[in-house]
Amino acid sequence: VEVGLFRIDPARAPEFAPVAEDIRAAFGRGEIPGLHSFHMAPALEDQGRWVVLVAWDSVTDHESFVASTEGERQRVLLAQFMTEDPEVFHVSLSDLREGLT
């Protein structure tokens, strides 16, 4: 599971909302190889702090997505709003079957 943490300017949250929906829709279409589930939401305590949780078949599938046209498109969209570099790492959840548990 890929864990991504990033920050946006909370004052730009209304402007960011359609971008977040666009990214959710892209993952929701189910056309991304190796994808199991996708979740992206702001922290309840801080609307400028966001988390992304993506379950992949493998880290290689994540890396392939990052290098894809869609991955690049999303990176450009997010970069317009991020106030600092994101933190991205992977964890292994061996009991992952469907969705996140």
Protein backbone atom coordinates (compact mmCIF):
# COMPACT_ATOMS: atom_id res chain seq x y z
CA VAL A 1 0.00 0.00 0.00
CA GLU A 2 1.34 3.38 -1.02
CA VAL A 3 0.97 6.06 1.63
CA GLY A 4 1.26 9.63 0.40
CA LEU A 5 1.21 12.68 2.66
CA PHE A 6 1.05 16.15 1.20
CA ARG A 7 0.10 19.71 2.13
CA ILE A 8 -1.86 22.35 0.29
CA ASP A 9 -2.62 25.92 1.34
CA PRO A 10 -5.90 25.55 3.31
CA ALA A 11 -7.08 28.84 1.79
CA ARG A 12 -6.98 27.10 -1.62
CA ALA A 13 -9.07 24.11 -0.49
CA PRO A 14 -12.15 25.22 -2.48
CA GLU A 15 -9.99 25.61 -5.59
CA PHE A 16 -8.39 22.20 -4.95
CA ALA A 17 -11.73 20.34 -4.56
CA PRO A 18 -12.34 19.81 -8.32
CA VAL A 19 -8.75 18.64 -8.77
CA ALA A 20 -9.21 16.07 -5.99
CA GLU A 21 -12.42 14.88 -7.63
CA ASP A 22 -10.69 14.62 -11.01
CA ILE A 23 -7.95 12.45 -9.49
CA ARG A 24 -10.49 10.26 -7.66
CA ALA A 25 -12.42 9.81 -10.93
CA ALA A 26 -9.25 8.80 -12.80
CA PHE A 27 -8.56 6.05 -10.27
CA GLY A 28 -12.24 5.11 -10.15
CA ARG A 29 -12.37 4.27 -13.85
CA GLY A 30 -10.44 1.08 -13.10
CA GLU A 31 -8.05 1.42 -16.03
CA ILE A 32 -4.84 1.52 -13.98
CA PRO A 33 -2.91 -1.78 -14.01
CA GLY A 34 -2.20 -3.29 -10.60
CA LEU A 35 -4.62 -1.01 -8.73
CA HIS A 36 -6.78 -2.45 -5.94
CA SER A 37 -8.14 0.62 -4.18
CA PHE A 38 -7.66 4.36 -3.88
CA HIS A 39 -8.49 6.75 -1.06
CA MET A 40 -7.65 10.45 -0.82
CA ALA A 41 -8.91 12.82 1.88
CA PRO A 42 -7.90 15.82 3.98
CA ALA A 43 -7.10 15.42 7.66
CA LEU A 44 -10.08 16.28 9.85
CA GLU A 45 -7.91 18.51 12.02
CA ASP A 46 -6.17 20.35 9.18
CA GLN A 47 -7.80 20.85 5.77
CA GLY A 48 -4.38 21.60 4.28
CA ARG A 49 -2.96 18.17 5.19
CA TRP A 50 -3.94 15.34 2.86
CA VAL A 51 -3.40 11.60 2.78
CA VAL A 52 -3.49 9.23 -0.18
CA LEU A 53 -3.75 5.46 0.33
CA VAL A 54 -3.40 3.31 -2.77
CA ALA A 55 -3.34 -0.48 -2.72
CA TRP A 56 -1.23 -1.86 -5.56
CA ASP A 57 -0.31 -5.39 -6.61
CA SER A 58 3.33 -4.32 -6.23
CA VAL A 59 5.64 -1.33 -5.81
CA THR A 60 6.54 -1.87 -9.47
CA ASP A 61 2.90 -1.23 -10.43
CA HIS A 62 3.05 2.04 -8.50
CA GLU A 63 6.30 3.01 -10.21
CA SER A 64 4.79 2.19 -13.62
CA PHE A 65 1.81 4.41 -12.85
CA VAL A 66 4.08 7.29 -11.76
CA ALA A 67 5.89 7.01 -15.13
CA SER A 68 2.62 6.87 -17.11
CA THR A 69 0.88 9.74 -18.89
CA GLU A 70 -1.86 9.73 -16.23
CA GLY A 71 0.68 9.70 -13.42
CA GLU A 72 2.45 12.70 -14.94
CA ARG A 73 -0.86 14.53 -15.44
CA GLN A 74 -1.78 14.05 -11.79
CA ARG A 75 1.68 15.12 -10.62
CA VAL A 76 1.32 18.39 -12.56
CA LEU A 77 -2.16 19.00 -11.12
CA LEU A 78 -1.03 18.37 -7.56
CA ALA A 79 2.17 20.41 -7.89
CA GLN A 80 0.10 23.55 -8.48
CA PHE A 81 -1.33 23.22 -4.96
CA MET A 82 1.36 21.56 -2.82
CA THR A 83 3.20 23.82 -0.40
CA GLU A 84 6.08 21.36 0.12
CA ASP A 85 7.40 18.09 -1.26
CA PRO A 86 5.12 15.13 -0.55
CA GLU A 87 6.15 12.20 1.61
CA VAL A 88 5.52 8.85 -0.10
CA PHE A 89 6.31 5.39 1.24
CA HIS A 90 4.97 1.83 0.98
CA VAL A 91 3.79 -0.66 3.58
CA SER A 92 3.03 -4.33 3.12
CA LEU A 93 -0.38 -5.46 4.32
CA SER A 94 -0.30 -9.20 3.75
CA ASP A 95 -3.97 -9.60 4.73
CA LEU A 96 -5.16 -7.12 2.07
CA ARG A 97 -7.87 -8.72 0.00
CA GLU A 98 -10.28 -6.03 -1.17
CA GLY A 99 -10.24 -2.42 -0.11
CA LEU A 100 -8.21 -1.47 2.92
CA THR A 101 -8.43 -3.27 6.25
